[in-house]
């Protein structure tokens, strides 16, 4: 066992307060009239990133938990290497589902598309094509149980991007997903759930 002193709950609380203060400073900096050319914005960003990383580390050491977001640092090959003031961003979303009730999925699709006769060709694949063609992804996520689906892991990336012309990247939409352009990410997974909490 290591002789190093373990962080205390009070230190975790202090780190959380430091993150809150850093958020306030960052918001104040970016909302100033001269934010576009103000070095205080970059300084506030760095302070927020440092505070968030410190809090995340202490949270893990004391509670074996992590925050649901990640702020890339500048260090290391996986760090953020994009512009400080991106002209455009790409929001990349992946949501996984388990098909837990194929009959319900098919029935929902048949209500929308009269060409899908009960027991007809295509099965689950045809039903998915109908549902995702009719509903926005956010609505499917909200109504997944109704459609015979069960939500699994999901992730959302916000990455710096170059401005593009309409339709320019549509033939290969995910070819340029560069982790080094990642500004922030949000993950949802049962991996992060603590199932061993004692009463």
N, C-alpha and C. Protein backbone atom coordinates (compact mmCIF):
# COMPACT_ATOMS: atom_id res chain seq x y z
N UNK A 1 0.84 -1.20 0.00
CA UNK A 1 0.00 0.00 0.00
C UNK A 1 0.87 1.24 0.00
N UNK A 2 0.49 2.21 -0.75
CA UNK A 2 1.25 3.45 -0.84
C UNK A 2 1.19 4.23 0.45
N UNK A 3 2.33 4.89 0.77
CA UNK A 3 2.38 5.73 1.97
C UNK A 3 1.88 7.14 1.68
N UNK A 4 1.57 7.42 0.41
CA UNK A 4 1.11 8.76 0.06
C UNK A 4 -0.24 9.04 0.69
N UNK A 5 -0.41 10.28 1.16
CA UNK A 5 -1.67 10.65 1.81
C UNK A 5 -2.80 10.65 0.79
N UNK A 6 -3.91 10.03 1.17
CA UNK A 6 -5.06 9.98 0.29
C UNK A 6 -5.85 11.30 0.39
N UNK A 7 -6.39 11.77 -0.72
CA UNK A 7 -7.17 13.01 -0.68
C UNK A 7 -8.40 12.85 0.20
N UNK A 8 -8.82 13.93 0.79
CA UNK A 8 -9.97 13.91 1.70
C UNK A 8 -11.23 14.40 0.99
N UNK A 9 -12.37 14.16 1.63
CA UNK A 9 -13.64 14.66 1.09
C UNK A 9 -13.62 16.18 1.02
N UNK A 10 -12.97 16.81 2.00
CA UNK A 10 -12.89 18.27 2.01
C UNK A 10 -12.11 18.78 0.79
N UNK A 11 -11.08 18.02 0.38
CA UNK A 11 -10.30 18.42 -0.80
C UNK A 11 -11.14 18.29 -2.07
N UNK A 12 -11.99 17.27 -2.13
CA UNK A 12 -12.87 17.11 -3.28
C UNK A 12 -13.84 18.29 -3.34
N UNK A 13 -14.40 18.65 -2.18
CA UNK A 13 -15.33 19.77 -2.12
C UNK A 13 -14.64 21.08 -2.55
N UNK A 14 -13.39 21.27 -2.09
CA UNK A 14 -12.65 22.47 -2.46
C UNK A 14 -12.38 22.49 -3.97
N UNK A 15 -12.09 21.33 -4.54
CA UNK A 15 -11.85 21.25 -5.99
C UNK A 15 -13.13 21.56 -6.76
N UNK A 16 -14.28 21.10 -6.24
CA UNK A 16 -15.56 21.40 -6.88
C UNK A 16 -15.83 22.90 -6.85
N UNK A 17 -15.55 23.54 -5.73
CA UNK A 17 -15.74 24.99 -5.62
C UNK A 17 -14.80 25.73 -6.58
N UNK A 18 -13.59 25.19 -6.77
CA UNK A 18 -12.64 25.82 -7.70
C UNK A 18 -13.17 25.74 -9.14
N UNK A 19 -13.82 24.61 -9.48
CA UNK A 19 -14.42 24.49 -10.82
C UNK A 19 -15.53 25.52 -10.99
N UNK A 20 -16.38 25.66 -9.98
CA UNK A 20 -17.48 26.63 -10.06
C UNK A 20 -16.94 28.05 -10.26
N UNK A 21 -15.89 28.40 -9.50
CA UNK A 21 -15.31 29.74 -9.63
C UNK A 21 -14.69 29.92 -11.00
N UNK A 22 -14.05 28.87 -11.52
CA UNK A 22 -13.43 28.95 -12.84
C UNK A 22 -14.48 29.11 -13.93
N UNK A 23 -15.63 28.45 -13.77
CA UNK A 23 -16.73 28.61 -14.73
C UNK A 23 -17.21 30.06 -14.74
N UNK A 24 -17.35 30.65 -13.56
CA UNK A 24 -17.79 32.05 -13.47
C UNK A 24 -16.79 32.97 -14.17
N UNK A 25 -15.48 32.74 -13.94
CA UNK A 25 -14.46 33.58 -14.57
C UNK A 25 -14.48 33.42 -16.08
N UNK A 26 -14.66 32.18 -16.53
CA UNK A 26 -14.68 31.92 -17.96
C UNK A 26 -15.88 32.60 -18.62
N UNK A 27 -17.06 32.49 -17.98
CA UNK A 27 -18.26 33.12 -18.52
C UNK A 27 -18.10 34.63 -18.58
N UNK A 28 -17.52 35.19 -17.54
CA UNK A 28 -17.30 36.65 -17.52
C UNK A 28 -16.37 37.06 -18.65
N UNK A 29 -15.33 36.25 -18.89
CA UNK A 29 -14.36 36.59 -19.94
C UNK A 29 -14.99 36.51 -21.32
N UNK A 30 -15.72 35.42 -21.60
CA UNK A 30 -16.26 35.24 -22.95
C UNK A 30 -17.43 36.17 -23.24
N UNK A 31 -18.07 36.69 -22.19
CA UNK A 31 -19.22 37.57 -22.41
C UNK A 31 -18.83 39.05 -22.45
N UNK A 32 -17.54 39.34 -22.34
CA UNK A 32 -17.10 40.73 -22.40
C UNK A 32 -17.17 41.23 -23.84
N UNK A 33 -17.33 42.53 -24.03
CA UNK A 33 -17.44 43.09 -25.40
C UNK A 33 -16.22 42.81 -26.26
N UNK A 34 -15.05 42.67 -25.65
CA UNK A 34 -13.82 42.47 -26.41
C UNK A 34 -13.33 41.03 -26.36
N UNK A 35 -14.25 40.08 -26.17
CA UNK A 35 -13.87 38.68 -25.96
C UNK A 35 -13.07 38.10 -27.12
N UNK A 36 -13.39 38.52 -28.36
CA UNK A 36 -12.74 37.93 -29.53
C UNK A 36 -11.23 38.13 -29.52
N UNK A 37 -10.76 39.25 -28.99
CA UNK A 37 -9.32 39.54 -29.00
C UNK A 37 -8.73 39.60 -27.59
N UNK A 38 -9.48 39.16 -26.62
CA UNK A 38 -9.05 39.30 -25.22
C UNK A 38 -8.28 38.06 -24.77
N UNK A 39 -6.99 38.22 -24.41
CA UNK A 39 -6.22 37.06 -23.91
C UNK A 39 -6.80 36.49 -22.61
N UNK A 40 -7.65 37.26 -21.94
CA UNK A 40 -8.27 36.76 -20.71
C UNK A 40 -9.16 35.55 -21.00
N UNK A 41 -9.70 35.47 -22.22
CA UNK A 41 -10.55 34.32 -22.57
C UNK A 41 -9.72 33.04 -22.57
N UNK A 42 -8.55 33.09 -23.21
CA UNK A 42 -7.67 31.91 -23.23
C UNK A 42 -7.21 31.55 -21.83
N UNK A 43 -6.88 32.56 -21.04
CA UNK A 43 -6.43 32.30 -19.67
C UNK A 43 -7.55 31.67 -18.85
N UNK A 44 -8.77 32.17 -19.02
CA UNK A 44 -9.90 31.61 -18.27
C UNK A 44 -10.19 30.19 -18.71
N UNK A 45 -10.03 29.91 -20.01
CA UNK A 45 -10.23 28.56 -20.52
C UNK A 45 -9.23 27.60 -19.89
N UNK A 46 -7.96 28.00 -19.86
CA UNK A 46 -6.91 27.16 -19.28
C UNK A 46 -7.17 26.91 -17.80
N UNK A 47 -7.60 27.96 -17.08
CA UNK A 47 -7.88 27.81 -15.65
C UNK A 47 -9.05 26.85 -15.42
N UNK A 48 -10.06 26.96 -16.28
CA UNK A 48 -11.21 26.07 -16.16
C UNK A 48 -10.81 24.63 -16.45
N UNK A 49 -10.00 24.42 -17.50
CA UNK A 49 -9.55 23.08 -17.83
C UNK A 49 -8.72 22.48 -16.69
N UNK A 50 -7.82 23.28 -16.14
CA UNK A 50 -6.98 22.79 -15.04
C UNK A 50 -7.81 22.43 -13.82
N UNK A 51 -8.77 23.29 -13.47
CA UNK A 51 -9.63 23.04 -12.31
C UNK A 51 -10.49 21.80 -12.53
N UNK A 52 -11.01 21.63 -13.74
CA UNK A 52 -11.87 20.48 -14.03
C UNK A 52 -11.08 19.17 -13.97
N UNK A 53 -9.86 19.18 -14.50
CA UNK A 53 -9.03 17.98 -14.45
C UNK A 53 -8.68 17.61 -13.02
N UNK A 54 -8.33 18.62 -12.21
CA UNK A 54 -8.00 18.36 -10.81
C UNK A 54 -9.20 17.78 -10.06
N UNK A 55 -10.37 18.35 -10.31
CA UNK A 55 -11.59 17.84 -9.66
C UNK A 55 -11.88 16.41 -10.09
N UNK A 56 -11.74 16.14 -11.37
CA UNK A 56 -12.01 14.81 -11.90
C UNK A 56 -11.08 13.78 -11.25
N UNK A 57 -9.82 14.13 -11.10
CA UNK A 57 -8.86 13.20 -10.51
C UNK A 57 -9.18 12.92 -9.04
N UNK A 58 -9.50 13.97 -8.28
CA UNK A 58 -9.83 13.79 -6.88
C UNK A 58 -11.13 13.00 -6.72
N UNK A 59 -12.10 13.29 -7.57
CA UNK A 59 -13.38 12.58 -7.52
C UNK A 59 -13.17 11.09 -7.72
N UNK A 60 -12.28 10.75 -8.65
CA UNK A 60 -12.01 9.34 -8.93
C UNK A 60 -11.28 8.68 -7.76
N UNK A 61 -10.32 9.39 -7.19
CA UNK A 61 -9.53 8.82 -6.09
C UNK A 61 -10.37 8.59 -4.84
N UNK A 62 -11.29 9.50 -4.56
CA UNK A 62 -12.07 9.40 -3.32
C UNK A 62 -13.34 8.56 -3.51
N UNK A 63 -14.03 8.76 -4.61
CA UNK A 63 -15.33 8.12 -4.81
C UNK A 63 -15.36 7.07 -5.93
N UNK A 64 -14.23 6.91 -6.63
CA UNK A 64 -14.18 5.99 -7.77
C UNK A 64 -15.24 6.37 -8.81
N UNK A 65 -15.42 7.66 -9.01
CA UNK A 65 -16.38 8.19 -9.99
C UNK A 65 -15.68 9.20 -10.89
N UNK A 66 -16.30 9.47 -12.04
CA UNK A 66 -15.76 10.46 -12.96
C UNK A 66 -16.86 11.41 -13.38
N UNK A 67 -16.47 12.56 -13.91
CA UNK A 67 -17.45 13.51 -14.45
C UNK A 67 -17.90 13.03 -15.82
N UNK A 68 -19.07 13.48 -16.31
CA UNK A 68 -19.57 13.02 -17.60
C UNK A 68 -19.00 13.79 -18.78
N UNK A 69 -17.95 14.57 -18.56
CA UNK A 69 -17.37 15.32 -19.66
C UNK A 69 -15.85 15.26 -19.56
N UNK A 70 -15.23 15.60 -20.66
CA UNK A 70 -13.78 15.57 -20.74
C UNK A 70 -13.32 16.85 -21.42
N UNK A 71 -12.33 17.53 -20.80
CA UNK A 71 -11.77 18.74 -21.39
C UNK A 71 -10.37 18.41 -21.88
N UNK A 72 -10.16 18.32 -23.19
CA UNK A 72 -8.84 17.95 -23.69
C UNK A 72 -7.79 18.98 -23.28
N UNK A 73 -6.61 18.49 -22.94
CA UNK A 73 -5.50 19.37 -22.61
C UNK A 73 -4.61 19.57 -23.82
N UNK A 74 -3.61 20.40 -23.69
CA UNK A 74 -2.69 20.66 -24.79
C UNK A 74 -1.53 19.68 -24.80
N UNK A 75 -1.33 18.96 -23.69
CA UNK A 75 -0.18 18.09 -23.59
C UNK A 75 -0.47 16.73 -24.22
N UNK A 76 0.59 16.09 -24.74
CA UNK A 76 0.45 14.74 -25.25
C UNK A 76 -0.09 14.72 -26.67
N UNK A 77 0.12 13.56 -27.36
CA UNK A 77 -0.31 13.46 -28.75
C UNK A 77 -1.81 13.48 -28.93
N UNK A 78 -2.58 13.18 -27.87
CA UNK A 78 -4.03 13.17 -27.99
C UNK A 78 -4.67 14.47 -27.59
N UNK A 79 -3.86 15.50 -27.30
CA UNK A 79 -4.39 16.77 -26.85
C UNK A 79 -5.04 17.56 -27.97
N UNK A 80 -5.74 18.61 -27.59
CA UNK A 80 -6.42 19.47 -28.57
C UNK A 80 -5.40 20.29 -29.34
N UNK A 81 -5.49 20.25 -30.67
CA UNK A 81 -4.56 21.00 -31.51
C UNK A 81 -5.31 21.92 -32.48
N UNK A 82 -6.57 22.20 -32.17
CA UNK A 82 -7.36 23.06 -33.04
C UNK A 82 -7.20 24.52 -32.69
N UNK A 83 -7.90 25.38 -33.40
CA UNK A 83 -7.79 26.83 -33.16
C UNK A 83 -8.45 27.24 -31.86
N UNK A 84 -7.94 28.32 -31.26
CA UNK A 84 -8.54 28.83 -30.02
C UNK A 84 -9.91 29.41 -30.28
N UNK A 85 -10.11 29.99 -31.46
CA UNK A 85 -11.40 30.58 -31.83
C UNK A 85 -11.88 29.92 -33.14
N UNK A 86 -12.45 28.70 -33.07
CA UNK A 86 -12.86 28.02 -34.31
C UNK A 86 -13.94 28.80 -35.05
N UNK A 87 -13.84 28.77 -36.38
CA UNK A 87 -14.84 29.43 -37.21
C UNK A 87 -16.10 28.58 -37.37
N UNK A 88 -15.96 27.28 -37.13
CA UNK A 88 -17.10 26.37 -37.25
C UNK A 88 -16.86 25.19 -36.34
N UNK A 89 -17.92 24.47 -36.01
CA UNK A 89 -17.79 23.25 -35.21
C UNK A 89 -18.61 22.14 -35.87
N UNK A 90 -18.21 20.91 -35.59
CA UNK A 90 -19.00 19.74 -35.96
C UNK A 90 -19.45 19.05 -34.68
N UNK A 91 -20.72 18.67 -34.63
CA UNK A 91 -21.25 17.92 -33.49
C UNK A 91 -21.49 16.49 -33.98
N UNK A 92 -20.69 15.57 -33.47
CA UNK A 92 -20.77 14.16 -33.88
C UNK A 92 -21.43 13.37 -32.77
N UNK A 93 -22.51 12.69 -33.09
CA UNK A 93 -23.27 11.96 -32.07
C UNK A 93 -23.35 10.49 -32.47
N UNK A 94 -23.06 9.62 -31.52
CA UNK A 94 -23.30 8.19 -31.71
C UNK A 94 -24.19 7.73 -30.57
N UNK A 95 -25.32 7.10 -30.93
CA UNK A 95 -26.22 6.49 -29.96
C UNK A 95 -26.41 5.04 -30.35
N UNK A 96 -26.15 4.14 -29.43
CA UNK A 96 -26.38 2.72 -29.69
C UNK A 96 -27.68 2.29 -29.05
N UNK A 97 -28.36 1.34 -29.69
CA UNK A 97 -29.60 0.77 -29.17
C UNK A 97 -29.55 -0.75 -29.29
N UNK A 98 -30.24 -1.42 -28.38
CA UNK A 98 -30.50 -2.84 -28.51
C UNK A 98 -31.93 -3.00 -29.03
N UNK A 99 -32.11 -3.86 -30.02
CA UNK A 99 -33.46 -4.15 -30.51
C UNK A 99 -34.04 -5.23 -29.60
N UNK A 100 -34.86 -4.80 -28.65
CA UNK A 100 -35.38 -5.73 -27.64
C UNK A 100 -36.76 -6.27 -27.97
N UNK A 101 -37.47 -5.60 -28.86
CA UNK A 101 -38.81 -6.05 -29.24
C UNK A 101 -39.03 -5.82 -30.73
N UNK A 102 -38.53 -6.75 -31.57
CA UNK A 102 -38.65 -6.56 -33.03
C UNK A 102 -40.10 -6.45 -33.50
N UNK A 103 -41.02 -7.14 -32.84
CA UNK A 103 -42.43 -7.08 -33.25
C UNK A 103 -42.99 -5.68 -33.03
N UNK A 104 -42.67 -5.07 -31.90
CA UNK A 104 -43.14 -3.71 -31.63
C UNK A 104 -42.52 -2.73 -32.62
N UNK A 105 -41.23 -2.92 -32.90
CA UNK A 105 -40.54 -2.06 -33.85
C UNK A 105 -41.22 -2.13 -35.21
N UNK A 106 -41.50 -3.35 -35.66
CA UNK A 106 -42.14 -3.54 -36.97
C UNK A 106 -43.55 -2.94 -36.98
N UNK A 107 -44.30 -3.14 -35.89
CA UNK A 107 -45.67 -2.63 -35.82
C UNK A 107 -45.68 -1.10 -35.91
N UNK A 108 -44.73 -0.44 -35.23
CA UNK A 108 -44.66 1.02 -35.30
C UNK A 108 -44.37 1.48 -36.72
N UNK A 109 -43.49 0.77 -37.41
CA UNK A 109 -43.15 1.14 -38.78
C UNK A 109 -44.34 0.91 -39.73
N UNK A 110 -45.08 -0.16 -39.49
CA UNK A 110 -46.23 -0.47 -40.36
C UNK A 110 -47.32 0.59 -40.24
N UNK A 111 -47.42 1.22 -39.08
CA UNK A 111 -48.40 2.30 -38.92
C UNK A 111 -48.04 3.52 -39.77
N UNK A 112 -46.75 3.69 -40.02
CA UNK A 112 -46.28 4.84 -40.77
C UNK A 112 -46.21 4.59 -42.27
N UNK A 113 -45.96 3.36 -42.65
CA UNK A 113 -45.76 3.04 -44.06
C UNK A 113 -46.67 1.87 -44.45
N UNK A 114 -47.67 2.16 -45.26
CA UNK A 114 -48.65 1.15 -45.63
C UNK A 114 -48.06 0.06 -46.52
N UNK A 115 -46.90 0.31 -47.12
CA UNK A 115 -46.28 -0.71 -47.96
C UNK A 115 -45.65 -1.82 -47.14
N UNK A 116 -45.46 -1.58 -45.83
CA UNK A 116 -44.92 -2.62 -44.95
C UNK A 116 -46.07 -3.47 -44.44
N UNK A 117 -46.35 -4.55 -45.12
CA UNK A 117 -47.43 -5.44 -44.68
C UNK A 117 -46.94 -6.35 -43.57
N UNK A 118 -47.81 -6.75 -42.65
CA UNK A 118 -47.41 -7.65 -41.56
C UNK A 118 -46.74 -8.90 -42.10
N UNK A 119 -45.55 -9.19 -41.57
CA UNK A 119 -44.81 -10.36 -42.00
C UNK A 119 -44.14 -10.20 -43.33
N UNK A 120 -44.12 -8.97 -43.87
CA UNK A 120 -43.53 -8.73 -45.18
C UNK A 120 -42.01 -8.74 -45.15
N UNK A 121 -41.44 -8.50 -46.32
CA UNK A 121 -39.99 -8.55 -46.46
C UNK A 121 -39.33 -7.37 -45.74
N UNK A 122 -38.06 -7.56 -45.42
CA UNK A 122 -37.28 -6.47 -44.84
C UNK A 122 -37.12 -6.55 -43.34
N UNK A 123 -38.14 -7.01 -42.63
CA UNK A 123 -38.06 -7.20 -41.19
C UNK A 123 -37.61 -5.96 -40.45
N UNK A 124 -36.66 -6.17 -39.53
CA UNK A 124 -36.17 -5.10 -38.67
C UNK A 124 -35.50 -3.99 -39.49
N UNK A 125 -34.73 -4.36 -40.51
CA UNK A 125 -34.01 -3.35 -41.29
C UNK A 125 -34.98 -2.38 -41.97
N UNK A 126 -36.03 -2.91 -42.55
CA UNK A 126 -37.02 -2.05 -43.21
C UNK A 126 -37.71 -1.16 -42.19
N UNK A 127 -38.03 -1.72 -41.03
CA UNK A 127 -38.70 -0.95 -39.98
C UNK A 127 -37.81 0.19 -39.50
N UNK A 128 -36.53 -0.09 -39.31
CA UNK A 128 -35.60 0.95 -38.87
C UNK A 128 -35.51 2.07 -39.91
N UNK A 129 -35.48 1.71 -41.19
CA UNK A 129 -35.42 2.71 -42.24
C UNK A 129 -36.62 3.63 -42.21
N UNK A 130 -37.80 3.05 -41.94
CA UNK A 130 -39.02 3.86 -41.86
C UNK A 130 -38.99 4.78 -40.65
N UNK A 131 -38.65 4.25 -39.49
CA UNK A 131 -38.69 5.04 -38.25
C UNK A 131 -37.67 6.18 -38.28
N UNK A 132 -36.44 5.87 -38.69
CA UNK A 132 -35.41 6.90 -38.70
C UNK A 132 -35.61 7.89 -39.84
N UNK A 133 -36.39 7.50 -40.83
CA UNK A 133 -36.73 8.43 -41.89
C UNK A 133 -37.87 9.37 -41.50
N UNK A 134 -38.68 8.93 -40.55
CA UNK A 134 -39.85 9.71 -40.13
C UNK A 134 -39.54 10.62 -38.95
N UNK A 135 -38.76 10.12 -37.99
CA UNK A 135 -38.53 10.85 -36.74
C UNK A 135 -37.11 11.38 -36.65
N UNK A 136 -36.96 12.50 -35.95
CA UNK A 136 -35.65 13.04 -35.65
C UNK A 136 -34.96 12.11 -34.64
N UNK A 137 -33.62 12.04 -34.67
CA UNK A 137 -32.90 11.17 -33.72
C UNK A 137 -33.23 11.45 -32.26
N UNK A 138 -33.45 12.73 -31.90
CA UNK A 138 -33.78 13.06 -30.51
C UNK A 138 -35.13 12.48 -30.11
N UNK A 139 -36.08 12.46 -31.04
CA UNK A 139 -37.39 11.90 -30.72
C UNK A 139 -37.30 10.39 -30.56
N UNK A 140 -36.51 9.75 -31.39
CA UNK A 140 -36.33 8.30 -31.25
C UNK A 140 -35.67 7.98 -29.92
N UNK A 141 -34.71 8.80 -29.51
CA UNK A 141 -34.07 8.58 -28.22
C UNK A 141 -35.08 8.71 -27.08
N UNK A 142 -35.97 9.71 -27.17
CA UNK A 142 -36.96 9.93 -26.12
C UNK A 142 -38.03 8.84 -26.10
N UNK A 143 -38.30 8.24 -27.27
CA UNK A 143 -39.39 7.26 -27.38
C UNK A 143 -38.86 5.86 -27.68
N UNK A 144 -37.60 5.60 -27.35
CA UNK A 144 -36.97 4.34 -27.75
C UNK A 144 -37.74 3.12 -27.24
N UNK A 145 -38.22 3.16 -26.00
CA UNK A 145 -38.96 2.01 -25.45
C UNK A 145 -40.23 1.76 -26.25
N UNK A 146 -40.90 2.83 -26.64
CA UNK A 146 -42.12 2.72 -27.43
C UNK A 146 -41.86 2.05 -28.78
N UNK A 147 -40.63 2.21 -29.30
CA UNK A 147 -40.28 1.65 -30.59
C UNK A 147 -39.62 0.27 -30.48
N UNK A 148 -39.60 -0.30 -29.27
CA UNK A 148 -38.99 -1.62 -29.11
C UNK A 148 -37.48 -1.58 -29.04
N UNK A 149 -36.93 -0.42 -28.71
CA UNK A 149 -35.48 -0.26 -28.60
C UNK A 149 -35.09 0.03 -27.16
N UNK A 150 -33.88 -0.32 -26.82
CA UNK A 150 -33.35 -0.03 -25.48
C UNK A 150 -32.05 0.74 -25.65
N UNK A 151 -31.95 1.90 -25.00
CA UNK A 151 -30.76 2.72 -25.14
C UNK A 151 -29.53 2.03 -24.56
N UNK A 152 -28.43 2.11 -25.28
CA UNK A 152 -27.14 1.60 -24.81
C UNK A 152 -26.19 2.78 -24.66
N UNK A 153 -24.91 2.58 -24.90
CA UNK A 153 -23.94 3.66 -24.76
C UNK A 153 -24.19 4.76 -25.80
N UNK A 154 -23.80 5.97 -25.45
CA UNK A 154 -23.86 7.07 -26.41
C UNK A 154 -22.70 8.02 -26.14
N UNK A 155 -22.32 8.75 -27.17
CA UNK A 155 -21.27 9.75 -27.02
C UNK A 155 -21.56 10.92 -27.95
N UNK A 156 -21.17 12.10 -27.52
CA UNK A 156 -21.33 13.31 -28.31
C UNK A 156 -20.00 14.05 -28.31
N UNK A 157 -19.52 14.35 -29.51
CA UNK A 157 -18.28 15.10 -29.67
C UNK A 157 -18.57 16.47 -30.24
N UNK A 158 -17.95 17.49 -29.67
CA UNK A 158 -17.98 18.83 -30.25
C UNK A 158 -16.56 19.12 -30.70
N UNK A 159 -16.36 19.23 -32.01
CA UNK A 159 -15.01 19.37 -32.55
C UNK A 159 -14.91 20.62 -33.42
N UNK A 160 -13.75 21.25 -33.37
CA UNK A 160 -13.49 22.40 -34.24
C UNK A 160 -13.45 21.92 -35.69
N UNK A 161 -13.95 22.75 -36.60
CA UNK A 161 -14.01 22.37 -38.01
C UNK A 161 -13.78 23.59 -38.89
N UNK A 162 -13.44 23.32 -40.13
CA UNK A 162 -13.34 24.39 -41.12
C UNK A 162 -14.72 24.63 -41.72
N UNK A 163 -15.08 25.89 -41.98
CA UNK A 163 -16.36 26.14 -42.65
C UNK A 163 -16.42 25.41 -43.99
N UNK A 164 -17.57 24.83 -44.30
CA UNK A 164 -17.72 24.06 -45.54
C UNK A 164 -18.89 24.58 -46.36
N UNK A 165 -18.87 24.22 -47.62
CA UNK A 165 -19.97 24.55 -48.52
C UNK A 165 -21.09 23.54 -48.32
N UNK A 166 -22.34 23.93 -48.57
CA UNK A 166 -23.46 22.99 -48.41
C UNK A 166 -23.23 21.72 -49.23
N UNK A 167 -23.38 20.57 -48.55
CA UNK A 167 -23.25 19.27 -49.21
C UNK A 167 -21.84 18.79 -49.42
N UNK A 168 -20.83 19.59 -49.01
CA UNK A 168 -19.44 19.27 -49.32
C UNK A 168 -18.98 17.95 -48.70
N UNK A 169 -19.35 17.70 -47.45
CA UNK A 169 -18.84 16.51 -46.77
C UNK A 169 -19.83 15.35 -46.74
N UNK A 170 -20.99 15.50 -47.32
CA UNK A 170 -22.02 14.46 -47.22
C UNK A 170 -21.60 13.09 -47.78
N UNK A 171 -20.80 13.01 -48.87
CA UNK A 171 -20.43 11.68 -49.35
C UNK A 171 -19.65 10.85 -48.33
N UNK A 172 -18.85 11.49 -47.48
CA UNK A 172 -18.06 10.79 -46.46
C UNK A 172 -18.15 11.57 -45.15
N UNK A 173 -19.30 11.50 -44.48
CA UNK A 173 -19.54 12.40 -43.35
C UNK A 173 -18.67 12.18 -42.12
N UNK A 174 -18.13 10.97 -41.94
CA UNK A 174 -17.37 10.69 -40.72
C UNK A 174 -15.89 10.47 -40.98
N UNK A 175 -15.44 10.79 -42.18
CA UNK A 175 -14.05 10.52 -42.54
C UNK A 175 -13.08 11.38 -41.75
N UNK A 176 -13.48 12.60 -41.40
CA UNK A 176 -12.53 13.54 -40.80
C UNK A 176 -12.80 13.76 -39.30
N UNK A 177 -13.24 12.73 -38.59
CA UNK A 177 -13.44 12.85 -37.14
C UNK A 177 -12.08 12.76 -36.47
N UNK A 178 -11.47 13.90 -36.22
CA UNK A 178 -10.11 13.99 -35.70
C UNK A 178 -10.14 14.25 -34.19
N UNK A 179 -9.68 13.30 -33.36
CA UNK A 179 -9.68 13.52 -31.90
C UNK A 179 -8.89 14.75 -31.48
N UNK A 180 -7.92 15.17 -32.28
CA UNK A 180 -7.12 16.33 -31.91
C UNK A 180 -7.85 17.64 -32.14
N UNK A 181 -9.02 17.58 -32.78
CA UNK A 181 -9.85 18.78 -32.95
C UNK A 181 -10.99 18.80 -31.93
N UNK A 182 -10.97 17.85 -31.01
CA UNK A 182 -12.06 17.70 -30.05
C UNK A 182 -12.02 18.79 -28.99
N UNK A 183 -13.09 19.56 -28.90
CA UNK A 183 -13.20 20.63 -27.90
C UNK A 183 -13.73 20.06 -26.59
N UNK A 184 -14.77 19.25 -26.66
CA UNK A 184 -15.29 18.58 -25.47
C UNK A 184 -16.10 17.37 -25.91
N UNK A 185 -16.34 16.45 -24.99
CA UNK A 185 -17.14 15.28 -25.30
C UNK A 185 -17.99 14.92 -24.08
N UNK A 186 -19.11 14.26 -24.35
CA UNK A 186 -20.03 13.85 -23.30
C UNK A 186 -20.40 12.39 -23.55
N UNK A 187 -20.13 11.54 -22.57
CA UNK A 187 -20.38 10.12 -22.72
C UNK A 187 -21.45 9.66 -21.73
N UNK A 188 -22.31 8.77 -22.19
CA UNK A 188 -23.31 8.14 -21.33
C UNK A 188 -23.13 6.63 -21.47
N UNK A 189 -22.85 5.96 -20.35
CA UNK A 189 -22.61 4.52 -20.41
C UNK A 189 -22.85 3.90 -19.04
N UNK A 190 -23.31 2.67 -19.04
CA UNK A 190 -23.48 1.96 -17.78
C UNK A 190 -22.14 1.68 -17.12
N UNK A 191 -21.06 1.79 -17.87
CA UNK A 191 -19.71 1.60 -17.31
C UNK A 191 -19.49 2.55 -16.15
N UNK A 192 -20.11 3.76 -16.23
CA UNK A 192 -19.90 4.77 -15.21
C UNK A 192 -20.85 4.65 -14.04
N UNK A 193 -21.82 3.74 -14.12
CA UNK A 193 -22.77 3.58 -13.03
C UNK A 193 -22.15 2.76 -11.91
N UNK A 194 -22.31 3.20 -10.70
CA UNK A 194 -21.81 2.47 -9.53
C UNK A 194 -22.91 1.54 -9.05
N UNK A 195 -22.78 0.25 -9.40
CA UNK A 195 -23.81 -0.71 -9.05
C UNK A 195 -23.55 -1.38 -7.70
N UNK A 196 -22.44 -1.01 -7.07
CA UNK A 196 -22.07 -1.67 -5.81
C UNK A 196 -22.26 -0.77 -4.61
N UNK A 197 -23.11 0.27 -4.74
CA UNK A 197 -23.35 1.17 -3.63
C UNK A 197 -24.11 0.43 -2.52
N UNK A 198 -23.59 0.51 -1.31
CA UNK A 198 -24.24 -0.16 -0.19
C UNK A 198 -25.28 0.77 0.44
N UNK A 199 -26.36 0.18 0.93
CA UNK A 199 -27.40 0.97 1.61
C UNK A 199 -26.83 1.55 2.89
